[in-house]
Each structure stands twice: as C-alpha cells, then as structure tokens.
C-alpha cells in the first residue's frame, strides 16, 4: 500500500469513476464509498475520524492507496467534476 501523495509525476486520479473508495472507521467498520458521495468522507478523513483508501485499477494490476491528503482530493474532484 502506498500514499496517494507519493504517486510522483502521475497524480492520483481522485475523480476517476473506476477508482474504488473504501472508508474504515476507528471501530473497524468498512464501507465502500461512491465517488458521488465522497465529500463528507473526505471531511471525516481530514478530521482524523476515518481512514480513506482508494484502489487505482491498472491494466495488469490494481494498487491500494491511502488518501492521505483529503483536502487535495476534494479540490481535484471539485475541479474535475464540478
């Protein structure tokens, strides 16, 4: 697992509809999150109330990333999806 902020020259595709988002609460509850519903989860992640992960699907494999900069993710999604 890597951090989304450490993707180098290729920025994590926060607004890509093929990315699968997963939220994990401090009590261990796991929930899949739709991109359309991501806003409140990004706020919870920013407040430390939730760990947020994204699976970036590739051609030959998929990688798991911790969404470690939720404010950046929010801005990218807002800019790209309106």
PDB file of N, CA and C in Angstrom:
ATOM      1  N   UNK A   1       0.851  -1.171   0.000  1.00  0.00           N
ATOM      2  CA  UNK A   1       0.000   0.000   0.000  1.00  0.00           C
ATOM      3  C   UNK A   1       0.898   1.235   0.000  1.00  0.00           C
ATOM      4  N   UNK A   2       0.478   2.225  -0.776  1.00  0.00           N
ATOM      5  CA  UNK A   2       1.220   3.484  -0.848  1.00  0.00           C
ATOM      6  C   UNK A   2       0.297   4.629  -0.474  1.00  0.00           C
ATOM      7  N   UNK A   3       0.870   5.797  -0.327  1.00  0.00           N
ATOM      8  CA  UNK A   3       0.100   7.007  -0.045  1.00  0.00           C
ATOM      9  C   UNK A   3      -0.185   7.710  -1.375  1.00  0.00           C
ATOM     10  N   UNK A   4      -1.394   8.234  -1.509  1.00  0.00           N
ATOM     11  CA  UNK A   4      -1.784   8.907  -2.743  1.00  0.00           C
ATOM     12  C   UNK A   4      -0.880  10.100  -3.040  1.00  0.00           C
ATOM     13  N   UNK A   5      -0.370  10.739  -2.001  1.00  0.00           N
ATOM     14  CA  UNK A   5       0.503  11.905  -2.199  1.00  0.00           C
ATOM     15  C   UNK A   5       1.864  11.525  -2.769  1.00  0.00           C
ATOM     16  N   UNK A   6       2.198  10.250  -2.779  1.00  0.00           N
ATOM     17  CA  UNK A   6       3.517   9.789  -3.227  1.00  0.00           C
ATOM     18  C   UNK A   6       3.467   9.105  -4.589  1.00  0.00           C
ATOM     19  N   UNK A   7       2.550   9.544  -5.454  1.00  0.00           N
ATOM     20  CA  UNK A   7       2.438   8.924  -6.776  1.00  0.00           C
ATOM     21  C   UNK A   7       3.398   9.528  -7.792  1.00  0.00           C
ATOM     22  N   UNK A   8       4.192  10.488  -7.370  1.00  0.00           N
ATOM     23  CA  UNK A   8       5.199  11.072  -8.259  1.00  0.00           C
ATOM     24  C   UNK A   8       4.585  11.927  -9.350  1.00  0.00           C
ATOM     25  N   UNK A   9       5.076  11.740 -10.581  1.00  0.00           N
ATOM     26  CA  UNK A   9       4.625  12.555 -11.709  1.00  0.00           C
ATOM     27  C   UNK A   9       3.177  12.286 -12.092  1.00  0.00           C
ATOM     28  N   UNK A  10       2.670  11.114 -11.729  1.00  0.00           N
ATOM     29  CA  UNK A  10       1.286  10.768 -12.057  1.00  0.00           C
ATOM     30  C   UNK A  10       0.418  11.029 -10.829  1.00  0.00           C
ATOM     31  N   UNK A  11      -0.346  12.106 -10.846  1.00  0.00           N
ATOM     32  CA  UNK A  11      -1.212  12.419  -9.714  1.00  0.00           C
ATOM     33  C   UNK A  11      -2.285  11.342  -9.581  1.00  0.00           C
ATOM     34  N   UNK A  12      -2.608  10.992  -8.350  1.00  0.00           N
ATOM     35  CA  UNK A  12      -3.653  10.008  -8.107  1.00  0.00           C
ATOM     36  C   UNK A  12      -4.939  10.482  -8.788  1.00  0.00           C
ATOM     37  N   UNK A  13      -5.645   9.596  -9.499  1.00  0.00           N
ATOM     38  CA  UNK A  13      -6.840  10.008 -10.260  1.00  0.00           C
ATOM     39  C   UNK A  13      -8.094  10.074  -9.385  1.00  0.00           C
ATOM     40  N   UNK A  14      -8.109  11.031  -8.472  1.00  0.00           N
ATOM     41  CA  UNK A  14      -9.200  11.138  -7.495  1.00  0.00           C
ATOM     42  C   UNK A  14     -10.593  11.138  -8.133  1.00  0.00           C
ATOM     43  N   UNK A  15     -10.753  11.785  -9.268  1.00  0.00           N
ATOM     44  CA  UNK A  15     -12.072  11.939  -9.884  1.00  0.00           C
ATOM     45  C   UNK A  15     -12.395  10.844 -10.900  1.00  0.00           C
ATOM     46  N   UNK A  16     -11.537   9.869 -11.042  1.00  0.00           N
ATOM     47  CA  UNK A  16     -11.770   8.781 -11.996  1.00  0.00           C
ATOM     48  C   UNK A  16     -12.853   7.848 -11.454  1.00  0.00           C
ATOM     49  N   UNK A  17     -13.915   7.620 -12.220  1.00  0.00           N
ATOM     50  CA  UNK A  17     -15.009   6.779 -11.722  1.00  0.00           C
ATOM     51  C   UNK A  17     -14.634   5.308 -11.540  1.00  0.00           C
ATOM     52  N   UNK A  18     -13.474   4.890 -12.049  1.00  0.00           N
ATOM     53  CA  UNK A  18     -13.063   3.500 -11.854  1.00  0.00           C
ATOM     54  C   UNK A  18     -12.343   3.275 -10.528  1.00  0.00           C
ATOM     55  N   UNK A  19     -12.002   4.363  -9.832  1.00  0.00           N
ATOM     56  CA  UNK A  19     -11.353   4.233  -8.516  1.00  0.00           C
ATOM     57  C   UNK A  19     -12.409   3.782  -7.507  1.00  0.00           C
ATOM     58  N   UNK A  20     -12.069   2.760  -6.754  1.00  0.00           N
ATOM     59  CA  UNK A  20     -12.956   2.254  -5.697  1.00  0.00           C
ATOM     60  C   UNK A  20     -12.485   2.848  -4.373  1.00  0.00           C
ATOM     61  N   UNK A  21     -13.353   3.581  -3.696  1.00  0.00           N
ATOM     62  CA  UNK A  21     -13.013   4.191  -2.410  1.00  0.00           C
ATOM     63  C   UNK A  21     -13.530   3.324  -1.270  1.00  0.00           C
ATOM     64  N   UNK A  22     -12.726   3.229  -0.227  1.00  0.00           N
ATOM     65  CA  UNK A  22     -13.054   2.424   0.953  1.00  0.00           C
ATOM     66  C   UNK A  22     -12.783   3.269   2.186  1.00  0.00           C
ATOM     67  N   UNK A  23     -13.762   3.346   3.080  1.00  0.00           N
ATOM     68  CA  UNK A  23     -13.604   4.061   4.344  1.00  0.00           C
ATOM     69  C   UNK A  23     -13.548   3.069   5.493  1.00  0.00           C
ATOM     70  N   UNK A  24     -12.656   3.334   6.448  1.00  0.00           N
ATOM     71  CA  UNK A  24     -12.532   2.481   7.635  1.00  0.00           C
ATOM     72  C   UNK A  24     -12.597   3.381   8.865  1.00  0.00           C
ATOM     73  N   UNK A  25     -13.584   3.126   9.728  1.00  0.00           N
ATOM     74  CA  UNK A  25     -13.750   3.911  10.954  1.00  0.00           C
ATOM     75  C   UNK A  25     -12.800   3.405  12.035  1.00  0.00           C
ATOM     76  N   UNK A  26     -12.591   4.177  13.093  1.00  0.00           N
ATOM     77  CA  UNK A  26     -11.733   3.719  14.192  1.00  0.00           C
ATOM     78  C   UNK A  26     -12.231   2.424  14.856  1.00  0.00           C
ATOM     79  N   UNK A  27     -13.530   2.141  14.762  1.00  0.00           N
ATOM     80  CA  UNK A  27     -14.067   0.908  15.348  1.00  0.00           C
ATOM     81  C   UNK A  27     -13.949  -0.281  14.405  1.00  0.00           C
ATOM     82  N   UNK A  28     -13.436  -0.047  13.189  1.00  0.00           N
ATOM     83  CA  UNK A  28     -13.212  -1.140  12.245  1.00  0.00           C
ATOM     84  C   UNK A  28     -14.312  -1.349  11.228  1.00  0.00           C
ATOM     85  N   UNK A  29     -15.317  -0.495  11.214  1.00  0.00           N
ATOM     86  CA  UNK A  29     -16.364  -0.597  10.208  1.00  0.00           C
ATOM     87  C   UNK A  29     -15.784  -0.228   8.845  1.00  0.00           C
ATOM     88  N   UNK A  30     -16.059  -1.057   7.843  1.00  0.00           N
ATOM     89  CA  UNK A  30     -15.542  -0.848   6.491  1.00  0.00           C
ATOM     90  C   UNK A  30     -16.716  -0.581   5.564  1.00  0.00           C
ATOM     91  N   UNK A  31     -16.564   0.429   4.710  1.00  0.00           N
ATOM     92  CA  UNK A  31     -17.648   0.805   3.807  1.00  0.00           C
ATOM     93  C   UNK A  31     -17.089   1.204   2.453  1.00  0.00           C
ATOM     94  N   UNK A  32     -17.696   0.702   1.392  1.00  0.00           N
ATOM     95  CA  UNK A  32     -17.350   1.156   0.054  1.00  0.00           C
ATOM     96  C   UNK A  32     -18.074   2.473  -0.188  1.00  0.00           C
ATOM     97  N   UNK A  33     -17.385   3.432  -0.816  1.00  0.00           N
ATOM     98  CA  UNK A  33     -17.918   4.777  -0.988  1.00  0.00           C
ATOM     99  C   UNK A  33     -17.978   5.118  -2.472  1.00  0.00           C
ATOM    100  N   UNK A  34     -19.135   5.580  -2.901  1.00  0.00           N
ATOM    101  CA  UNK A  34     -19.289   6.021  -4.283  1.00  0.00           C
ATOM    102  C   UNK A  34     -18.634   7.389  -4.456  1.00  0.00           C
ATOM    103  N   UNK A  35     -18.076   7.616  -5.626  1.00  0.00           N
ATOM    104  CA  UNK A  35     -17.445   8.902  -5.918  1.00  0.00           C
ATOM    105  C   UNK A  35     -18.428  10.057  -5.717  1.00  0.00           C
ATOM    106  N   UNK A  36     -19.680   9.868  -6.087  1.00  0.00           N
ATOM    107  CA  UNK A  36     -20.688  10.923  -5.945  1.00  0.00           C
ATOM    108  C   UNK A  36     -20.940  11.289  -4.485  1.00  0.00           C
ATOM    109  N   UNK A  37     -20.615  10.388  -3.562  1.00  0.00           N
ATOM    110  CA  UNK A  37     -20.873  10.599  -2.131  1.00  0.00           C
ATOM    111  C   UNK A  37     -19.602  10.874  -1.326  1.00  0.00           C
ATOM    112  N   UNK A  38     -18.486  11.140  -1.982  1.00  0.00           N
ATOM    113  CA  UNK A  38     -17.177  11.176  -1.324  1.00  0.00           C
ATOM    114  C   UNK A  38     -16.964  12.396  -0.419  1.00  0.00           C
ATOM    115  N   UNK A  39     -17.651  13.510  -0.672  1.00  0.00           N
ATOM    116  CA  UNK A  39     -17.409  14.761   0.060  1.00  0.00           C
ATOM    117  C   UNK A  39     -17.376  14.631   1.576  1.00  0.00           C
ATOM    118  N   UNK A  40     -18.432  14.132   2.213  1.00  0.00           N
ATOM    119  CA  UNK A  40     -18.427  14.005   3.677  1.00  0.00           C
ATOM    120  C   UNK A  40     -17.329  13.069   4.199  1.00  0.00           C
ATOM    121  N   UNK A  41     -16.998  12.061   3.411  1.00  0.00           N
ATOM    122  CA  UNK A  41     -15.954  11.128   3.828  1.00  0.00           C
ATOM    123  C   UNK A  41     -14.577  11.790   3.789  1.00  0.00           C
ATOM    124  N   UNK A  42     -14.371  12.655   2.806  1.00  0.00           N
ATOM    125  CA  UNK A  42     -13.114  13.406   2.752  1.00  0.00           C
ATOM    126  C   UNK A  42     -12.999  14.332   3.962  1.00  0.00           C
ATOM    127  N   UNK A  43     -14.108  14.933   4.368  1.00  0.00           N
ATOM    128  CA  UNK A  43     -14.105  15.788   5.562  1.00  0.00           C
ATOM    129  C   UNK A  43     -13.791  14.968   6.809  1.00  0.00           C
ATOM    130  N   UNK A  44     -14.372  13.784   6.916  1.00  0.00           N
ATOM    131  CA  UNK A  44     -14.098  12.917   8.066  1.00  0.00           C
ATOM    132  C   UNK A  44     -12.642  12.469   8.078  1.00  0.00           C
ATOM    133  N   UNK A  45     -12.102  12.162   6.906  1.00  0.00           N
ATOM    134  CA  UNK A  45     -10.700  11.760   6.815  1.00  0.00           C
ATOM    135  C   UNK A  45      -9.786  12.914   7.216  1.00  0.00           C
ATOM    136  N   UNK A  46     -10.135  14.120   6.787  1.00  0.00           N
ATOM    137  CA  UNK A  46      -9.339  15.299   7.138  1.00  0.00           C
ATOM    138  C   UNK A  46      -9.361  15.554   8.643  1.00  0.00           C
ATOM    139  N   UNK A  47     -10.488  15.243   9.282  1.00  0.00           N
ATOM    140  CA  UNK A  47     -10.628  15.441  10.735  1.00  0.00           C
ATOM    141  C   UNK A  47     -10.048  14.270  11.544  1.00  0.00           C
ATOM    142  N   UNK A  48      -9.549  13.247  10.860  1.00  0.00           N
ATOM    143  CA  UNK A  48      -8.985  12.094  11.554  1.00  0.00           C
ATOM    144  C   UNK A  48     -10.023  11.118  12.079  1.00  0.00           C
ATOM    145  N   UNK A  49     -11.252  11.247  11.606  1.00  0.00           N
ATOM    146  CA  UNK A  49     -12.350  10.393  12.067  1.00  0.00           C
ATOM    147  C   UNK A  49     -12.519   9.145  11.218  1.00  0.00           C
ATOM    148  N   UNK A  50     -11.749   9.026  10.143  1.00  0.00           N
ATOM    149  CA  UNK A  50     -11.916   7.948   9.190  1.00  0.00           C
ATOM    150  C   UNK A  50     -10.616   7.773   8.420  1.00  0.00           C
ATOM    151  N   UNK A  51     -10.255   6.546   8.111  1.00  0.00           N
ATOM    152  CA  UNK A  51      -9.153   6.284   7.180  1.00  0.00           C
ATOM    153  C   UNK A  51      -9.798   6.048   5.831  1.00  0.00           C
ATOM    154  N   UNK A  52      -9.291   6.713   4.821  1.00  0.00           N
ATOM    155  CA  UNK A  52      -9.860   6.609   3.486  1.00  0.00           C
ATOM    156  C   UNK A  52      -8.809   6.023   2.548  1.00  0.00           C
ATOM    157  N   UNK A  53      -9.246   5.051   1.766  1.00  0.00           N
ATOM    158  CA  UNK A  53      -8.363   4.369   0.822  1.00  0.00           C
ATOM    159  C   UNK A  53      -8.990   4.396  -0.559  1.00  0.00           C
ATOM    160  N   UNK A  54      -8.143   4.326  -1.570  1.00  0.00           N
ATOM    161  CA  UNK A  54      -8.616   4.250  -2.940  1.00  0.00           C
ATOM    162  C   UNK A  54      -7.862   3.162  -3.679  1.00  0.00           C
ATOM    163  N   UNK A  55      -8.591   2.364  -4.430  1.00  0.00           N
ATOM    164  CA  UNK A  55      -7.976   1.335  -5.264  1.00  0.00           C
ATOM    165  C   UNK A  55      -7.905   1.890  -6.681  1.00  0.00           C
ATOM    166  N   UNK A  56      -6.680   2.021  -7.181  1.00  0.00           N
ATOM    167  CA  UNK A  56      -6.437   2.561  -8.509  1.00  0.00           C
ATOM    168  C   UNK A  56      -6.254   1.375  -9.439  1.00  0.00           C
ATOM    169  N   UNK A  57      -7.248   1.104 -10.291  1.00  0.00           N
ATOM    170  CA  UNK A  57      -7.129  -0.049 -11.178  1.00  0.00           C
ATOM    171  C   UNK A  57      -6.177   0.239 -12.330  1.00  0.00           C
ATOM    172  N   UNK A  58      -5.334  -0.715 -12.593  1.00  0.00           N
ATOM    173  CA  UNK A  58      -4.404  -0.600 -13.704  1.00  0.00           C
ATOM    174  C   UNK A  58      -4.709  -1.626 -14.774  1.00  0.00           C
ATOM    175  N   UNK A  59      -3.884  -1.678 -15.780  1.00  0.00           N
ATOM    176  CA  UNK A  59      -4.092  -2.617 -16.884  1.00  0.00           C
ATOM    177  C   UNK A  59      -3.849  -4.053 -16.433  1.00  0.00           C
ATOM    178  N   UNK A  60      -2.777  -4.256 -15.671  1.00  0.00           N
ATOM    179  CA  UNK A  60      -2.412  -5.610 -15.260  1.00  0.00           C
ATOM    180  C   UNK A  60      -2.550  -5.868 -13.765  1.00  0.00           C
ATOM    181  N   UNK A  61      -2.785  -4.811 -12.997  1.00  0.00           N
ATOM    182  CA  UNK A  61      -2.951  -4.968 -11.553  1.00  0.00           C
ATOM    183  C   UNK A  61      -3.615  -3.714 -10.990  1.00  0.00           C
ATOM    184  N   UNK A  62      -4.109  -3.831  -9.779  1.00  0.00           N
ATOM    185  CA  UNK A  62      -4.681  -2.686  -9.077  1.00  0.00           C
ATOM    186  C   UNK A  62      -3.862  -2.433  -7.825  1.00  0.00           C
ATOM    187  N   UNK A  63      -3.726  -1.175  -7.453  1.00  0.00           N
ATOM    188  CA  UNK A  63      -2.946  -0.812  -6.272  1.00  0.00           C
ATOM    189  C   UNK A  63      -3.830  -0.094  -5.267  1.00  0.00           C
ATOM    190  N   UNK A  64      -3.539  -0.318  -3.986  1.00  0.00           N
ATOM    191  CA  UNK A  64      -4.259   0.311  -2.885  1.00  0.00           C
ATOM    192  C   UNK A  64      -3.466   1.509  -2.384  1.00  0.00           C
ATOM    193  N   UNK A  65      -4.151   2.643  -2.230  1.00  0.00           N
ATOM    194  CA  UNK A  65      -3.523   3.871  -1.759  1.00  0.00           C
ATOM    195  C   UNK A  65      -4.285   4.422  -0.568  1.00  0.00           C
ATOM    196  N   UNK A  66      -3.547   4.914   0.409  1.00  0.00           N
ATOM    197  CA  UNK A  66      -4.171   5.685   1.475  1.00  0.00           C
ATOM    198  C   UNK A  66      -4.369   7.098   0.950  1.00  0.00           C
ATOM    199  N   UNK A  67      -5.575   7.631   1.093  1.00  0.00           N
ATOM    200  CA  UNK A  67      -5.849   9.012   0.688  1.00  0.00           C
ATOM    201  C   UNK A  67      -5.402   9.888   1.852  1.00  0.00           C
ATOM    202  N   UNK A  68      -4.140  10.285   1.795  1.00  0.00           N
ATOM    203  CA  UNK A  68      -3.505  10.968   2.921  1.00  0.00           C
ATOM    204  C   UNK A  68      -3.574  12.491   2.841  1.00  0.00           C
ATOM    205  N   UNK A  69      -4.096  13.023   1.758  1.00  0.00           N
ATOM    206  CA  UNK A  69      -4.304  14.469   1.614  1.00  0.00           C
ATOM    207  C   UNK A  69      -5.739  14.718   1.156  1.00  0.00           C
ATOM    208  N   UNK A  70      -6.710  14.534   2.070  1.00  0.00           N
ATOM    209  CA  UNK A  70      -8.110  14.653   1.666  1.00  0.00           C
ATOM    210  C   UNK A  70      -8.485  16.024   1.107  1.00  0.00           C
ATOM    211  N   UNK A  71      -7.831  17.083   1.549  1.00  0.00           N
ATOM    212  CA  UNK A  71      -8.142  18.415   1.007  1.00  0.00           C
ATOM    213  C   UNK A  71      -7.739  18.510  -0.456  1.00  0.00           C
ATOM    214  N   UNK A  72      -6.599  17.921  -0.798  1.00  0.00           N
ATOM    215  CA  UNK A  72      -6.159  17.891  -2.202  1.00  0.00           C
ATOM    216  C   UNK A  72      -7.150  17.081  -3.024  1.00  0.00           C
ATOM    217  N   UNK A  73      -7.552  15.926  -2.495  1.00  0.00           N
ATOM    218  CA  UNK A  73      -8.517  15.072  -3.194  1.00  0.00           C
ATOM    219  C   UNK A  73      -9.815  15.835  -3.445  1.00  0.00           C
ATOM    220  N   UNK A  74     -10.293  16.540  -2.443  1.00  0.00           N
ATOM    221  CA  UNK A  74     -11.536  17.306  -2.571  1.00  0.00           C
ATOM    222  C   UNK A  74     -11.419  18.354  -3.676  1.00  0.00           C
ATOM    223  N   UNK A  75     -10.311  19.077  -3.691  1.00  0.00           N
ATOM    224  CA  UNK A  75     -10.134  20.126  -4.702  1.00  0.00           C
ATOM    225  C   UNK A  75     -10.068  19.550  -6.111  1.00  0.00           C
ATOM    226  N   UNK A  76      -9.372  18.438  -6.266  1.00  0.00           N
ATOM    227  CA  UNK A  76      -9.269  17.809  -7.589  1.00  0.00           C
ATOM    228  C   UNK A  76     -10.647  17.338  -8.050  1.00  0.00           C
ATOM    229  N   UNK A  77     -11.369  16.667  -7.165  1.00  0.00           N
ATOM    230  CA  UNK A  77     -12.699  16.168  -7.519  1.00  0.00           C
ATOM    231  C   UNK A  77     -13.636  17.334  -7.842  1.00  0.00           C
ATOM    232  N   UNK A  78     -13.601  18.364  -7.043  1.00  0.00           N
ATOM    233  CA  UNK A  78     -14.464  19.544  -7.281  1.00  0.00           C
ATOM    234  C   UNK A  78     -14.123  20.205  -8.620  1.00  0.00           C
ATOM    235  N   UNK A  79     -12.834  20.318  -8.904  1.00  0.00           N
ATOM    236  CA  UNK A  79     -12.402  20.961 -10.161  1.00  0.00           C
ATOM    237  C   UNK A  79     -12.787  20.112 -11.380  1.00  0.00           C
ATOM    238  N   UNK A  80     -12.611  18.804 -11.284  1.00  0.00           N
ATOM    239  CA  UNK A  80     -12.839  17.943 -12.434  1.00  0.00           C
ATOM    240  C   UNK A  80     -14.300  17.537 -12.635  1.00  0.00           C
ATOM    241  N   UNK A  81     -15.056  17.473 -11.552  1.00  0.00           N
ATOM    242  CA  UNK A  81     -16.442  17.029 -11.669  1.00  0.00           C
ATOM    243  C   UNK A  81     -17.457  18.146 -11.430  1.00  0.00           C
ATOM    244  N   UNK A  82     -16.964  19.281 -10.953  1.00  0.00           N
ATOM    245  CA  UNK A  82     -17.852  20.428 -10.747  1.00  0.00           C
ATOM    246  C   UNK A  82     -18.618  20.409  -9.535  1.00  0.00           C
TER     247      UNK A  82
END
